[in-house]
């Protein structure tokens, strides 16, 4: 089963959240239903970008790369370029 690195955007604040998971649809559901403590009450969240990887270590590595950027503008460019 593939692993996904994903970017969610809060529809209420415009903030981004970066994560990785094996089950993308389930994870988005969890974010939108208050089952993720770190971003509870900041949604609703919309999937704006994702990448697929064959292994969890690959997805985890890419997630760390994206989080190191720590730039709202960088994430906006990434999302725009994927559309």
C-alpha atoms as a PDB file:
ATOM      1  CA  UNK A   1       0.000   0.000   0.000  1.00  0.00           C
ATOM      2  CA  UNK A   2       1.413   3.450  -0.859  1.00  0.00           C
ATOM      3  CA  UNK A   3       2.108   6.221   1.629  1.00  0.00           C
ATOM      4  CA  UNK A   4       1.119   9.839   1.095  1.00  0.00           C
ATOM      5  CA  UNK A   5       2.627  13.152   2.078  1.00  0.00           C
ATOM      6  CA  UNK A   6      -0.169  15.695   2.171  1.00  0.00           C
ATOM      7  CA  UNK A   7      -0.850  19.367   2.695  1.00  0.00           C
ATOM      8  CA  UNK A   8      -4.127  20.480   4.206  1.00  0.00           C
ATOM      9  CA  UNK A   9      -5.322  24.066   4.303  1.00  0.00           C
ATOM     10  CA  UNK A  10      -7.654  25.395   6.985  1.00  0.00           C
ATOM     11  CA  UNK A  11     -10.744  26.873   5.381  1.00  0.00           C
ATOM     12  CA  UNK A  12     -11.207  29.175   8.393  1.00  0.00           C
ATOM     13  CA  UNK A  13      -7.660  30.500   8.896  1.00  0.00           C
ATOM     14  CA  UNK A  14      -5.782  29.735   5.652  1.00  0.00           C
ATOM     15  CA  UNK A  15      -3.019  27.973   7.589  1.00  0.00           C
ATOM     16  CA  UNK A  16      -1.338  24.862   6.215  1.00  0.00           C
ATOM     17  CA  UNK A  17      -0.709  21.492   7.844  1.00  0.00           C
ATOM     18  CA  UNK A  18       1.805  18.962   6.456  1.00  0.00           C
ATOM     19  CA  UNK A  19       1.684  15.271   7.333  1.00  0.00           C
ATOM     20  CA  UNK A  20       2.084  11.740   6.000  1.00  0.00           C
ATOM     21  CA  UNK A  21      -0.145   8.694   6.192  1.00  0.00           C
ATOM     22  CA  UNK A  22      -0.924   5.311   4.719  1.00  0.00           C
ATOM     23  CA  UNK A  23      -4.660   6.030   4.415  1.00  0.00           C
ATOM     24  CA  UNK A  24      -5.213   9.551   3.097  1.00  0.00           C
ATOM     25  CA  UNK A  25      -9.014   9.627   3.180  1.00  0.00           C
ATOM     26  CA  UNK A  26      -9.150   8.300   6.746  1.00  0.00           C
ATOM     27  CA  UNK A  27      -6.549  10.831   7.884  1.00  0.00           C
ATOM     28  CA  UNK A  28      -8.430  13.771   6.360  1.00  0.00           C
ATOM     29  CA  UNK A  29     -11.592  12.532   8.093  1.00  0.00           C
ATOM     30  CA  UNK A  30      -9.709  12.420  11.416  1.00  0.00           C
ATOM     31  CA  UNK A  31      -8.434  15.982  10.953  1.00  0.00           C
ATOM     32  CA  UNK A  32     -11.900  17.281  10.139  1.00  0.00           C
ATOM     33  CA  UNK A  33     -13.570  15.499  13.049  1.00  0.00           C
ATOM     34  CA  UNK A  34     -11.347  16.655  15.901  1.00  0.00           C
ATOM     35  CA  UNK A  35      -9.325  13.469  16.243  1.00  0.00           C
ATOM     36  CA  UNK A  36      -5.984  15.242  15.792  1.00  0.00           C
ATOM     37  CA  UNK A  37      -5.029  17.197  18.913  1.00  0.00           C
ATOM     38  CA  UNK A  38      -2.471  19.477  17.271  1.00  0.00           C
ATOM     39  CA  UNK A  39      -4.985  21.074  14.887  1.00  0.00           C
ATOM     40  CA  UNK A  40      -8.309  20.516  16.606  1.00  0.00           C
ATOM     41  CA  UNK A  41     -10.788  23.408  16.215  1.00  0.00           C
ATOM     42  CA  UNK A  42      -8.811  25.004  13.374  1.00  0.00           C
ATOM     43  CA  UNK A  43     -10.697  23.488  10.445  1.00  0.00           C
ATOM     44  CA  UNK A  44     -12.451  22.565   8.377  1.00  0.00           C
ATOM     45  CA  UNK A  45      -9.460  21.259   6.440  1.00  0.00           C
ATOM     46  CA  UNK A  46      -9.215  20.766   2.683  1.00  0.00           C
ATOM     47  CA  UNK A  47      -6.627  18.635   0.888  1.00  0.00           C
ATOM     48  CA  UNK A  48      -4.668  20.980  -1.374  1.00  0.00           C
ATOM     49  CA  UNK A  49      -1.630  18.835  -2.261  1.00  0.00           C
ATOM     50  CA  UNK A  50      -0.350  15.261  -1.980  1.00  0.00           C
ATOM     51  CA  UNK A  51       2.530  13.091  -3.135  1.00  0.00           C
ATOM     52  CA  UNK A  52       2.677   9.291  -3.163  1.00  0.00           C
ATOM     53  CA  UNK A  53       5.619   7.152  -2.000  1.00  0.00           C
ATOM     54  CA  UNK A  54       6.239   3.419  -1.923  1.00  0.00           C
ATOM     55  CA  UNK A  55       7.530   3.283   1.662  1.00  0.00           C
ATOM     56  CA  UNK A  56       6.891   5.036   4.969  1.00  0.00           C
ATOM     57  CA  UNK A  57      10.551   6.147   5.343  1.00  0.00           C
ATOM     58  CA  UNK A  58      10.383   7.901   1.953  1.00  0.00           C
ATOM     59  CA  UNK A  59       7.148   9.672   2.895  1.00  0.00           C
ATOM     60  CA  UNK A  60       8.474  10.598   6.333  1.00  0.00           C
ATOM     61  CA  UNK A  61      11.666  12.011   4.822  1.00  0.00           C
ATOM     62  CA  UNK A  62       9.698  14.164   2.363  1.00  0.00           C
ATOM     63  CA  UNK A  63       7.392  15.384   5.159  1.00  0.00           C
ATOM     64  CA  UNK A  64      10.440  16.512   7.168  1.00  0.00           C
ATOM     65  CA  UNK A  65      11.845  18.285   4.093  1.00  0.00           C
ATOM     66  CA  UNK A  66       8.597  20.179   3.598  1.00  0.00           C
ATOM     67  CA  UNK A  67       8.305  21.113   7.273  1.00  0.00           C
ATOM     68  CA  UNK A  68      11.891  22.429   7.303  1.00  0.00           C
ATOM     69  CA  UNK A  69      10.872  25.005   4.705  1.00  0.00           C
ATOM     70  CA  UNK A  70       8.630  26.643   7.375  1.00  0.00           C
ATOM     71  CA  UNK A  71       7.279  29.024   4.802  1.00  0.00           C
ATOM     72  CA  UNK A  72       3.648  29.746   4.031  1.00  0.00           C
ATOM     73  CA  UNK A  73       4.763  31.279   0.719  1.00  0.00           C
ATOM     74  CA  UNK A  74       6.767  28.152  -0.226  1.00  0.00           C
ATOM     75  CA  UNK A  75       3.755  25.918   0.431  1.00  0.00           C
ATOM     76  CA  UNK A  76       1.508  28.255  -1.592  1.00  0.00           C
ATOM     77  CA  UNK A  77       3.907  28.018  -4.553  1.00  0.00           C
ATOM     78  CA  UNK A  78       4.000  24.213  -4.243  1.00  0.00           C
ATOM     79  CA  UNK A  79       0.193  24.017  -4.197  1.00  0.00           C
ATOM     80  CA  UNK A  80      -0.188  26.447  -7.129  1.00  0.00           C
ATOM     81  CA  UNK A  81       2.380  24.565  -9.210  1.00  0.00           C
ATOM     82  CA  UNK A  82       0.479  21.304  -8.751  1.00  0.00           C
ATOM     83  CA  UNK A  83      -2.807  22.653 -10.135  1.00  0.00           C
END
